[in-house]
Amino acid sequence: MIRQSNTACNAVALYVDRRALAQQIAGEEEQRRALADFLGWLGRGG
């Protein structure tokens, strides 16, 4: 039983880690797009 419990915990932890990583990557992509838009706007003279 303890092994199954640890396995379930590991599976949940892996899912949470992947979800957190996906959210972090999405946030970074949003920041990159915002910066690119700003720099493009700045380069066009505002």
C-alpha atoms as a PDB file:
ATOM      1  CA  MET A   1       0.000   0.000   0.000  1.00  0.00           C
ATOM      2  CA  ILE A   2       2.758   2.460   0.866  1.00  0.00           C
ATOM      3  CA  ARG A   3       4.386   1.928  -2.522  1.00  0.00           C
ATOM      4  CA  GLN A   4       1.141   2.687  -4.318  1.00  0.00           C
ATOM      5  CA  SER A   5       0.741   5.786  -2.216  1.00  0.00           C
ATOM      6  CA  ASN A   6       4.249   6.995  -3.084  1.00  0.00           C
ATOM      7  CA  THR A   7       3.660   6.230  -6.745  1.00  0.00           C
ATOM      8  CA  ALA A   8       0.424   8.219  -6.701  1.00  0.00           C
ATOM      9  CA  CYS A   9       2.161  11.089  -4.938  1.00  0.00           C
ATOM     10  CA  ASN A  10       4.958  11.081  -7.496  1.00  0.00           C
ATOM     11  CA  ALA A  11       2.460  11.077 -10.361  1.00  0.00           C
ATOM     12  CA  VAL A  12       0.589  14.021  -8.844  1.00  0.00           C
ATOM     13  CA  ALA A  13       3.827  15.888  -8.157  1.00  0.00           C
ATOM     14  CA  LEU A  14       4.943  15.338 -11.756  1.00  0.00           C
ATOM     15  CA  TYR A  15       1.591  16.635 -13.034  1.00  0.00           C
ATOM     16  CA  VAL A  16       1.814  19.710 -10.792  1.00  0.00           C
ATOM     17  CA  ASP A  17       5.427  20.346 -11.831  1.00  0.00           C
ATOM     18  CA  ARG A  18       4.494  20.131 -15.521  1.00  0.00           C
ATOM     19  CA  ARG A  19       1.523  22.416 -15.008  1.00  0.00           C
ATOM     20  CA  ALA A  20       3.622  24.963 -13.111  1.00  0.00           C
ATOM     21  CA  LEU A  21       6.311  24.834 -15.799  1.00  0.00           C
ATOM     22  CA  ALA A  22       3.737  25.295 -18.552  1.00  0.00           C
ATOM     23  CA  GLN A  23       2.308  28.327 -16.737  1.00  0.00           C
ATOM     24  CA  GLN A  24       5.771  29.804 -16.273  1.00  0.00           C
ATOM     25  CA  ILE A  25       6.641  29.309 -19.936  1.00  0.00           C
ATOM     26  CA  ALA A  26       3.351  30.883 -21.025  1.00  0.00           C
ATOM     27  CA  GLY A  27       4.049  33.881 -18.802  1.00  0.00           C
ATOM     28  CA  GLU A  28       7.543  34.283 -20.221  1.00  0.00           C
ATOM     29  CA  GLU A  29       6.206  34.096 -23.782  1.00  0.00           C
ATOM     30  CA  GLU A  30       3.663  36.794 -22.951  1.00  0.00           C
ATOM     31  CA  GLN A  31       6.457  38.991 -21.573  1.00  0.00           C
ATOM     32  CA  ARG A  32       8.549  38.427 -24.714  1.00  0.00           C
ATOM     33  CA  ARG A  33       5.633  39.405 -26.953  1.00  0.00           C
ATOM     34  CA  ALA A  34       4.946  42.512 -24.884  1.00  0.00           C
ATOM     35  CA  LEU A  35       8.610  43.529 -25.012  1.00  0.00           C
ATOM     36  CA  ALA A  36       8.791  42.905 -28.763  1.00  0.00           C
ATOM     37  CA  ASP A  37       5.658  44.998 -29.279  1.00  0.00           C
ATOM     38  CA  PHE A  38       7.083  47.789 -27.138  1.00  0.00           C
ATOM     39  CA  LEU A  39      10.444  47.763 -28.888  1.00  0.00           C
ATOM     40  CA  GLY A  40       8.718  47.731 -32.268  1.00  0.00           C
ATOM     41  CA  TRP A  41       6.568  50.675 -31.201  1.00  0.00           C
ATOM     42  CA  LEU A  42       9.643  52.474 -29.895  1.00  0.00           C
ATOM     43  CA  GLY A  43      11.515  51.796 -33.146  1.00  0.00           C
ATOM     44  CA  ARG A  44       8.622  53.243 -35.156  1.00  0.00           C
ATOM     45  CA  GLY A  45       8.905  56.466 -33.185  1.00  0.00           C
ATOM     46  CA  GLY A  46       6.125  55.848 -30.698  1.00  0.00           C
END
